[in-house]
Amino acid sequence: MPKTRLFLTHGHLYHPAALPPLRNGDILVYGHTHLPEAQWQGDIICFNLGSVSIPKGGYPVSYGVLDEGVLQVLTLQSDEPVVQLALKD
């Protein structure tokens, strides 16, 4: 079974509209827009952590975690989920 790979980038070059070379099931982790996101785009996942310093779009200060097969963007103040997505088995 192939392993899930994380491609971590700032997001100004690689982002959901300009994907790096990824395999099915890989995760693109990017920032740049400061807007939280966790969603499938075709066969890959696009994951944006939001921002711990300059959140945009009315979202709270946030950070991201991958724990037990679930991607989450959590608020820094209360650890409440902003967005979350379970990885496929």
PDB file of N, CA and C in Angstrom:
ATOM      1  N   MET A   1       0.841  -1.176   0.000  1.00  0.00           N
ATOM      2  CA  MET A   1       0.000   0.000   0.000  1.00  0.00           C
ATOM      3  C   MET A   1       0.890   1.245   0.000  1.00  0.00           C
ATOM      4  N   PRO A   2       0.675   2.195  -0.931  1.00  0.00           N
ATOM      5  CA  PRO A   2       1.521   3.387  -0.963  1.00  0.00           C
ATOM      6  C   PRO A   2       1.286   4.274   0.259  1.00  0.00           C
ATOM      7  N   LYS A   3       2.327   4.931   0.669  1.00  0.00           N
ATOM      8  CA  LYS A   3       2.256   5.851   1.798  1.00  0.00           C
ATOM      9  C   LYS A   3       1.760   7.212   1.331  1.00  0.00           C
ATOM     10  N   THR A   4       1.057   7.904   2.216  1.00  0.00           N
ATOM     11  CA  THR A   4       0.633   9.273   1.931  1.00  0.00           C
ATOM     12  C   THR A   4       1.824  10.196   2.111  1.00  0.00           C
ATOM     13  N   ARG A   5       2.081  11.033   1.115  1.00  0.00           N
ATOM     14  CA  ARG A   5       3.178  12.002   1.200  1.00  0.00           C
ATOM     15  C   ARG A   5       2.599  13.386   1.426  1.00  0.00           C
ATOM     16  N   LEU A   6       3.327  14.188   2.194  1.00  0.00           N
ATOM     17  CA  LEU A   6       2.976  15.593   2.411  1.00  0.00           C
ATOM     18  C   LEU A   6       3.935  16.453   1.609  1.00  0.00           C
ATOM     19  N   PHE A   7       3.403  17.351   0.800  1.00  0.00           N
ATOM     20  CA  PHE A   7       4.214  18.318   0.070  1.00  0.00           C
ATOM     21  C   PHE A   7       3.972  19.660   0.750  1.00  0.00           C
ATOM     22  N   LEU A   8       4.983  20.165   1.466  1.00  0.00           N
ATOM     23  CA  LEU A   8       4.855  21.396   2.244  1.00  0.00           C
ATOM     24  C   LEU A   8       5.478  22.551   1.482  1.00  0.00           C
ATOM     25  N   THR A   9       4.714  23.615   1.297  1.00  0.00           N
ATOM     26  CA  THR A   9       5.190  24.765   0.538  1.00  0.00           C
ATOM     27  C   THR A   9       4.527  26.031   1.039  1.00  0.00           C
ATOM     28  N   HIS A  10       5.136  27.156   0.752  1.00  0.00           N
ATOM     29  CA  HIS A  10       4.538  28.428   1.139  1.00  0.00           C
ATOM     30  C   HIS A  10       3.221  28.659   0.413  1.00  0.00           C
ATOM     31  N   GLY A  11       3.182  28.359  -0.862  1.00  0.00           N
ATOM     32  CA  GLY A  11       1.939  28.482  -1.611  1.00  0.00           C
ATOM     33  C   GLY A  11       1.937  29.542  -2.687  1.00  0.00           C
ATOM     34  N   HIS A  12       3.028  30.283  -2.844  1.00  0.00           N
ATOM     35  CA  HIS A  12       3.047  31.304  -3.898  1.00  0.00           C
ATOM     36  C   HIS A  12       3.401  30.692  -5.254  1.00  0.00           C
ATOM     37  N   LEU A  13       4.108  29.564  -5.272  1.00  0.00           N
ATOM     38  CA  LEU A  13       4.412  28.866  -6.523  1.00  0.00           C
ATOM     39  C   LEU A  13       3.490  27.669  -6.735  1.00  0.00           C
ATOM     40  N   TYR A  14       3.402  26.811  -5.717  1.00  0.00           N
ATOM     41  CA  TYR A  14       2.526  25.652  -5.782  1.00  0.00           C
ATOM     42  C   TYR A  14       1.319  25.878  -4.889  1.00  0.00           C
ATOM     43  N   HIS A  15       0.138  25.627  -5.430  1.00  0.00           N
ATOM     44  CA  HIS A  15      -1.136  25.826  -4.737  1.00  0.00           C
ATOM     45  C   HIS A  15      -2.188  25.034  -5.505  1.00  0.00           C
ATOM     46  N   PRO A  16      -3.452  25.036  -5.074  1.00  0.00           N
ATOM     47  CA  PRO A  16      -4.455  24.211  -5.758  1.00  0.00           C
ATOM     48  C   PRO A  16      -4.616  24.488  -7.253  1.00  0.00           C
ATOM     49  N   ALA A  17      -4.355  25.691  -7.715  1.00  0.00           N
ATOM     50  CA  ALA A  17      -4.463  25.999  -9.145  1.00  0.00           C
ATOM     51  C   ALA A  17      -3.168  25.706  -9.907  1.00  0.00           C
ATOM     52  N   ALA A  18      -2.079  25.445  -9.200  1.00  0.00           N
ATOM     53  CA  ALA A  18      -0.776  25.128  -9.805  1.00  0.00           C
ATOM     54  C   ALA A  18      -0.136  24.026  -8.955  1.00  0.00           C
ATOM     55  N   LEU A  19      -0.553  22.802  -9.207  1.00  0.00           N
ATOM     56  CA  LEU A  19      -0.129  21.677  -8.370  1.00  0.00           C
ATOM     57  C   LEU A  19       1.284  21.205  -8.691  1.00  0.00           C
ATOM     58  N   PRO A  20       2.022  20.797  -7.658  1.00  0.00           N
ATOM     59  CA  PRO A  20       3.312  20.144  -7.885  1.00  0.00           C
ATOM     60  C   PRO A  20       3.049  18.709  -8.348  1.00  0.00           C
ATOM     61  N   PRO A  21       4.100  17.981  -8.749  1.00  0.00           N
ATOM     62  CA  PRO A  21       3.889  16.581  -9.120  1.00  0.00           C
ATOM     63  C   PRO A  21       3.564  15.744  -7.882  1.00  0.00           C
ATOM     64  N   LEU A  22       2.337  15.295  -7.795  1.00  0.00           N
ATOM     65  CA  LEU A  22       1.868  14.514  -6.656  1.00  0.00           C
ATOM     66  C   LEU A  22       1.256  13.205  -7.134  1.00  0.00           C
ATOM     67  N   ARG A  23       1.213  12.227  -6.222  1.00  0.00           N
ATOM     68  CA  ARG A  23       0.548  10.949  -6.499  1.00  0.00           C
ATOM     69  C   ARG A  23      -0.849  10.968  -5.880  1.00  0.00           C
ATOM     70  N   ASN A  24      -1.681  10.051  -6.329  1.00  0.00           N
ATOM     71  CA  ASN A  24      -3.008   9.912  -5.741  1.00  0.00           C
ATOM     72  C   ASN A  24      -2.900   9.727  -4.232  1.00  0.00           C
ATOM     73  N   GLY A  25      -3.687  10.476  -3.484  1.00  0.00           N
ATOM     74  CA  GLY A  25      -3.694  10.372  -2.031  1.00  0.00           C
ATOM     75  C   GLY A  25      -2.703  11.263  -1.321  1.00  0.00           C
ATOM     76  N   ASP A  26      -1.820  11.962  -2.059  1.00  0.00           N
ATOM     77  CA  ASP A  26      -0.862  12.881  -1.433  1.00  0.00           C
ATOM     78  C   ASP A  26      -1.579  14.129  -0.932  1.00  0.00           C
ATOM     79  N   ILE A  27      -0.889  14.874  -0.067  1.00  0.00           N
ATOM     80  CA  ILE A  27      -1.458  16.074   0.534  1.00  0.00           C
ATOM     81  C   ILE A  27      -0.572  17.275   0.220  1.00  0.00           C
ATOM     82  N   LEU A  28      -1.167  18.295  -0.379  1.00  0.00           N
ATOM     83  CA  LEU A  28      -0.496  19.574  -0.604  1.00  0.00           C
ATOM     84  C   LEU A  28      -0.796  20.448   0.597  1.00  0.00           C
ATOM     85  N   VAL A  29       0.239  20.778   1.369  1.00  0.00           N
ATOM     86  CA  VAL A  29       0.095  21.649   2.534  1.00  0.00           C
ATOM     87  C   VAL A  29       0.706  22.987   2.144  1.00  0.00           C
ATOM     88  N   TYR A  30      -0.119  24.029   2.162  1.00  0.00           N
ATOM     89  CA  TYR A  30       0.350  25.333   1.704  1.00  0.00           C
ATOM     90  C   TYR A  30      -0.253  26.435   2.567  1.00  0.00           C
ATOM     91  N   GLY A  31       0.281  27.619   2.423  1.00  0.00           N
ATOM     92  CA  GLY A  31      -0.210  28.779   3.153  1.00  0.00           C
ATOM     93  C   GLY A  31      -0.555  29.881   2.180  1.00  0.00           C
ATOM     94  N   HIS A  32       0.148  30.963   2.259  1.00  0.00           N
ATOM     95  CA  HIS A  32       0.072  32.118   1.362  1.00  0.00           C
ATOM     96  C   HIS A  32      -1.251  32.876   1.444  1.00  0.00           C
ATOM     97  N   THR A  33      -2.384  32.201   1.310  1.00  0.00           N
ATOM     98  CA  THR A  33      -3.672  32.907   1.337  1.00  0.00           C
ATOM     99  C   THR A  33      -4.163  33.158   2.754  1.00  0.00           C
ATOM    100  N   HIS A  34      -3.653  32.408   3.725  1.00  0.00           N
ATOM    101  CA  HIS A  34      -4.066  32.495   5.124  1.00  0.00           C
ATOM    102  C   HIS A  34      -5.527  32.113   5.323  1.00  0.00           C
ATOM    103  N   LEU A  35      -6.095  31.341   4.393  1.00  0.00           N
ATOM    104  CA  LEU A  35      -7.483  30.887   4.481  1.00  0.00           C
ATOM    105  C   LEU A  35      -7.515  29.384   4.741  1.00  0.00           C
ATOM    106  N   PRO A  36      -8.116  28.939   5.860  1.00  0.00           N
ATOM    107  CA  PRO A  36      -8.144  27.517   6.179  1.00  0.00           C
ATOM    108  C   PRO A  36      -8.874  26.713   5.108  1.00  0.00           C
ATOM    109  N   GLU A  37      -8.322  25.534   4.806  1.00  0.00           N
ATOM    110  CA  GLU A  37      -8.932  24.651   3.816  1.00  0.00           C
ATOM    111  C   GLU A  37      -8.461  23.237   4.067  1.00  0.00           C
ATOM    112  N   ALA A  38      -9.358  22.291   3.905  1.00  0.00           N
ATOM    113  CA  ALA A  38      -9.025  20.866   3.926  1.00  0.00           C
ATOM    114  C   ALA A  38     -10.049  20.193   3.026  1.00  0.00           C
ATOM    115  N   GLN A  39      -9.643  19.915   1.785  1.00  0.00           N
ATOM    116  CA  GLN A  39     -10.588  19.312   0.853  1.00  0.00           C
ATOM    117  C   GLN A  39      -9.873  18.512  -0.222  1.00  0.00           C
ATOM    118  N   TRP A  40     -10.607  17.545  -0.741  1.00  0.00           N
ATOM    119  CA  TRP A  40     -10.101  16.762  -1.863  1.00  0.00           C
ATOM    120  C   TRP A  40     -10.195  17.598  -3.123  1.00  0.00           C
ATOM    121  N   GLN A  41      -9.154  17.549  -3.927  1.00  0.00           N
ATOM    122  CA  GLN A  41      -9.164  18.123  -5.274  1.00  0.00           C
ATOM    123  C   GLN A  41      -8.748  16.982  -6.199  1.00  0.00           C
ATOM    124  N   GLY A  42      -9.721  16.335  -6.776  1.00  0.00           N
ATOM    125  CA  GLY A  42      -9.419  15.131  -7.540  1.00  0.00           C
ATOM    126  C   GLY A  42      -8.908  14.055  -6.606  1.00  0.00           C
ATOM    127  N   ASP A  43      -7.698  13.560  -6.862  1.00  0.00           N
ATOM    128  CA  ASP A  43      -7.120  12.475  -6.073  1.00  0.00           C
ATOM    129  C   ASP A  43      -6.108  12.942  -5.036  1.00  0.00           C
ATOM    130  N   ILE A  44      -5.998  14.252  -4.821  1.00  0.00           N
ATOM    131  CA  ILE A  44      -5.090  14.771  -3.789  1.00  0.00           C
ATOM    132  C   ILE A  44      -5.888  15.634  -2.814  1.00  0.00           C
ATOM    133  N   ILE A  45      -5.262  15.924  -1.681  1.00  0.00           N
ATOM    134  CA  ILE A  45      -5.889  16.788  -0.677  1.00  0.00           C
ATOM    135  C   ILE A  45      -5.142  18.108  -0.647  1.00  0.00           C
ATOM    136  N   CYS A  46      -5.887  19.201  -0.626  1.00  0.00           N
ATOM    137  CA  CYS A  46      -5.322  20.539  -0.450  1.00  0.00           C
ATOM    138  C   CYS A  46      -5.614  20.969   0.983  1.00  0.00           C
ATOM    139  N   PHE A  47      -4.553  21.339   1.695  1.00  0.00           N
ATOM    140  CA  PHE A  47      -4.657  21.652   3.122  1.00  0.00           C
ATOM    141  C   PHE A  47      -3.943  22.962   3.408  1.00  0.00           C
ATOM    142  N   ASN A  48      -4.706  23.959   3.835  1.00  0.00           N
ATOM    143  CA  ASN A  48      -4.150  25.262   4.212  1.00  0.00           C
ATOM    144  C   ASN A  48      -4.444  25.469   5.689  1.00  0.00           C
ATOM    145  N   LEU A  49      -3.419  25.792   6.451  1.00  0.00           N
ATOM    146  CA  LEU A  49      -3.515  25.886   7.908  1.00  0.00           C
ATOM    147  C   LEU A  49      -4.120  27.186   8.411  1.00  0.00           C
ATOM    148  N   GLY A  50      -4.398  28.123   7.517  1.00  0.00           N
ATOM    149  CA  GLY A  50      -4.829  29.438   7.968  1.00  0.00           C
ATOM    150  C   GLY A  50      -3.601  30.239   8.372  1.00  0.00           C
ATOM    151  N   SER A  51      -3.647  30.868   9.544  1.00  0.00           N
ATOM    152  CA  SER A  51      -2.506  31.676   9.992  1.00  0.00           C
ATOM    153  C   SER A  51      -2.518  31.847  11.501  1.00  0.00           C
ATOM    154  N   VAL A  52      -1.321  31.784  12.107  1.00  0.00           N
ATOM    155  CA  VAL A  52      -1.191  32.057  13.544  1.00  0.00           C
ATOM    156  C   VAL A  52      -0.965  33.538  13.813  1.00  0.00           C
ATOM    157  N   SER A  53      -0.729  34.326  12.750  1.00  0.00           N
ATOM    158  CA  SER A  53      -0.440  35.746  12.986  1.00  0.00           C
ATOM    159  C   SER A  53      -1.331  36.705  12.209  1.00  0.00           C
ATOM    160  N   ILE A  54      -1.695  36.363  10.969  1.00  0.00           N
ATOM    161  CA  ILE A  54      -2.486  37.284  10.144  1.00  0.00           C
ATOM    162  C   ILE A  54      -3.614  36.495   9.461  1.00  0.00           C
ATOM    163  N   PRO A  55      -4.633  36.073  10.219  1.00  0.00           N
ATOM    164  CA  PRO A  55      -5.717  35.323   9.591  1.00  0.00           C
ATOM    165  C   PRO A  55      -6.519  36.216   8.641  1.00  0.00           C
ATOM    166  N   LYS A  56      -7.077  35.594   7.616  1.00  0.00           N
ATOM    167  CA  LYS A  56      -7.857  36.332   6.621  1.00  0.00           C
ATOM    168  C   LYS A  56      -9.267  35.752   6.553  1.00  0.00           C
ATOM    169  N   GLY A  57     -10.142  36.474   5.859  1.00  0.00           N
ATOM    170  CA  GLY A  57     -11.494  35.989   5.600  1.00  0.00           C
ATOM    171  C   GLY A  57     -12.380  35.884   6.821  1.00  0.00           C
ATOM    172  N   GLY A  58     -12.030  36.575   7.894  1.00  0.00           N
ATOM    173  CA  GLY A  58     -12.826  36.514   9.109  1.00  0.00           C
ATOM    174  C   GLY A  58     -12.586  35.269   9.950  1.00  0.00           C
ATOM    175  N   TYR A  59     -11.605  34.455   9.564  1.00  0.00           N
ATOM    176  CA  TYR A  59     -11.289  33.250  10.332  1.00  0.00           C
ATOM    177  C   TYR A  59     -10.449  33.602  11.548  1.00  0.00           C
ATOM    178  N   PRO A  60     -10.538  32.788  12.612  1.00  0.00           N
ATOM    179  CA  PRO A  60      -9.696  33.025  13.784  1.00  0.00           C
ATOM    180  C   PRO A  60      -8.250  32.597  13.520  1.00  0.00           C
ATOM    181  N   VAL A  61      -7.355  32.988  14.394  1.00  0.00           N
ATOM    182  CA  VAL A  61      -5.968  32.530  14.369  1.00  0.00           C
ATOM    183  C   VAL A  61      -6.000  31.003  14.461  1.00  0.00           C
ATOM    184  N   SER A  62      -5.216  30.332  13.586  1.00  0.00           N
ATOM    185  CA  SER A  62      -5.346  28.881  13.516  1.00  0.00           C
ATOM    186  C   SER A  62      -4.026  28.195  13.173  1.00  0.00           C
ATOM    187  N   TYR A  63      -4.042  26.866  13.341  1.00  0.00           N
ATOM    188  CA  TYR A  63      -2.902  26.010  12.993  1.00  0.00           C
ATOM    189  C   TYR A  63      -3.457  24.663  12.534  1.00  0.00           C
ATOM    190  N   GLY A  64      -2.625  23.821  11.963  1.00  0.00           N
ATOM    191  CA  GLY A  64      -3.093  22.551  11.432  1.00  0.00           C
ATOM    192  C   GLY A  64      -2.456  21.352  12.091  1.00  0.00           C
ATOM    193  N   VAL A  65      -3.199  20.257  12.115  1.00  0.00           N
ATOM    194  CA  VAL A  65      -2.692  18.989  12.635  1.00  0.00           C
ATOM    195  C   VAL A  65      -3.170  17.845  11.747  1.00  0.00           C
ATOM    196  N   LEU A  66      -2.387  16.778  11.738  1.00  0.00           N
ATOM    197  CA  LEU A  66      -2.775  15.500  11.147  1.00  0.00           C
ATOM    198  C   LEU A  66      -2.668  14.489  12.272  1.00  0.00           C
ATOM    199  N   ASP A  67      -3.793  13.934  12.691  1.00  0.00           N
ATOM    200  CA  ASP A  67      -3.806  13.017  13.827  1.00  0.00           C
ATOM    201  C   ASP A  67      -4.777  11.876  13.538  1.00  0.00           C
ATOM    202  N   GLU A  68      -4.268  10.665  13.584  1.00  0.00           N
ATOM    203  CA  GLU A  68      -5.064   9.456  13.395  1.00  0.00           C
ATOM    204  C   GLU A  68      -5.923   9.523  12.134  1.00  0.00           C
ATOM    205  N   GLY A  69      -5.309   9.969  11.044  1.00  0.00           N
ATOM    206  CA  GLY A  69      -5.983   9.973   9.760  1.00  0.00           C
ATOM    207  C   GLY A  69      -6.963  11.102   9.531  1.00  0.00           C
ATOM    208  N   VAL A  70      -6.927  12.116  10.378  1.00  0.00           N
ATOM    209  CA  VAL A  70      -7.811  13.269  10.215  1.00  0.00           C
ATOM    210  C   VAL A  70      -6.968  14.543  10.158  1.00  0.00           C
ATOM    211  N   LEU A  71      -7.163  15.319   9.083  1.00  0.00           N
ATOM    212  CA  LEU A  71      -6.553  16.645   8.971  1.00  0.00           C
ATOM    213  C   LEU A  71      -7.495  17.648   9.609  1.00  0.00           C
ATOM    214  N   GLN A  72      -6.953  18.533  10.433  1.00  0.00           N
ATOM    215  CA  GLN A  72      -7.777  19.562  11.065  1.00  0.00           C
ATOM    216  C   GLN A  72      -7.057  20.892  11.069  1.00  0.00           C
ATOM    217  N   VAL A  73      -7.812  21.960  10.871  1.00  0.00           N
ATOM    218  CA  VAL A  73      -7.364  23.305  11.177  1.00  0.00           C
ATOM    219  C   VAL A  73      -8.080  23.666  12.468  1.00  0.00           C
ATOM    220  N   LEU A  74      -7.301  24.001  13.500  1.00  0.00           N
ATOM    221  CA  LEU A  74      -7.838  24.292  14.829  1.00  0.00           C
ATOM    222  C   LEU A  74      -7.571  25.737  15.205  1.00  0.00           C
ATOM    223  N   THR A  75      -8.481  26.316  16.004  1.00  0.00           N
ATOM    224  CA  THR A  75      -8.249  27.670  16.503  1.00  0.00           C
ATOM    225  C   THR A  75      -7.136  27.630  17.539  1.00  0.00           C
ATOM    226  N   LEU A  76      -6.292  28.638  17.520  1.00  0.00           N
ATOM    227  CA  LEU A  76      -5.172  28.695  18.454  1.00  0.00           C
ATOM    228  C   LEU A  76      -5.664  28.907  19.886  1.00  0.00           C
ATOM    229  N   GLN A  77      -6.730  29.652  20.051  1.00  0.00           N
ATOM    230  CA  GLN A  77      -7.220  29.991  21.392  1.00  0.00           C
ATOM    231  C   GLN A  77      -7.901  28.824  22.106  1.00  0.00           C
ATOM    232  N   SER A  78      -8.714  28.043  21.375  1.00  0.00           N
ATOM    233  CA  SER A  78      -9.522  27.024  22.046  1.00  0.00           C
ATOM    234  C   SER A  78      -9.404  25.628  21.452  1.00  0.00           C
ATOM    235  N   ASP A  79      -8.570  25.452  20.428  1.00  0.00           N
ATOM    236  CA  ASP A  79      -8.409  24.161  19.757  1.00  0.00           C
ATOM    237  C   ASP A  79      -9.708  23.632  19.143  1.00  0.00           C
ATOM    238  N   GLU A  80     -10.657  24.523  18.862  1.00  0.00           N
ATOM    239  CA  GLU A  80     -11.892  24.119  18.192  1.00  0.00           C
ATOM    240  C   GLU A  80     -11.612  23.952  16.699  1.00  0.00           C
ATOM    241  N   PRO A  81     -12.196  22.940  16.055  1.00  0.00           N
ATOM    242  CA  PRO A  81     -11.960  22.762  14.628  1.00  0.00           C
ATOM    243  C   PRO A  81     -12.625  23.854  13.787  1.00  0.00           C
ATOM    244  N   VAL A  82     -11.864  24.361  12.832  1.00  0.00           N
ATOM    245  CA  VAL A  82     -12.376  25.310  11.842  1.00  0.00           C
ATOM    246  C   VAL A  82     -12.809  24.519  10.614  1.00  0.00           C
ATOM    247  N   VAL A  83     -11.942  23.624  10.158  1.00  0.00           N
ATOM    248  CA  VAL A  83     -12.255  22.671   9.089  1.00  0.00           C
ATOM    249  C   VAL A  83     -11.566  21.355   9.423  1.00  0.00           C
ATOM    250  N   GLN A  84     -12.103  20.264   8.908  1.00  0.00           N
ATOM    251  CA  GLN A  84     -11.467  18.967   9.101  1.00  0.00           C
ATOM    252  C   GLN A  84     -11.856  18.039   7.967  1.00  0.00           C
ATOM    253  N   LEU A  85     -11.002  17.041   7.749  1.00  0.00           N
ATOM    254  CA  LEU A  85     -11.210  16.091   6.668  1.00  0.00           C
ATOM    255  C   LEU A  85     -10.553  14.776   7.040  1.00  0.00           C
ATOM    256  N   ALA A  86     -11.302  13.710   6.956  1.00  0.00           N
ATOM    257  CA  ALA A  86     -10.748  12.371   7.199  1.00  0.00           C
ATOM    258  C   ALA A  86     -10.085  11.879   5.915  1.00  0.00           C
ATOM    259  N   LEU A  87      -8.907  11.288   6.056  1.00  0.00           N
ATOM    260  CA  LEU A  87      -8.216  10.713   4.901  1.00  0.00           C
ATOM    261  C   LEU A  87      -8.919   9.418   4.518  1.00  0.00           C
ATOM    262  N   LYS A  88      -8.868   9.082   3.243  1.00  0.00           N
ATOM    263  CA  LYS A  88      -9.442   7.823   2.771  1.00  0.00           C
ATOM    264  C   LYS A  88      -8.608   6.659   3.285  1.00  0.00           C
ATOM    265  N   ASP A  89      -9.262   5.535   3.504  1.00  0.00           N
ATOM    266  CA  ASP A  89      -8.539   4.321   3.918  1.00  0.00           C
ATOM    267  C   ASP A  89      -7.819   3.710   2.753  1.00  0.00           C
TER     268      ASP A  89
END
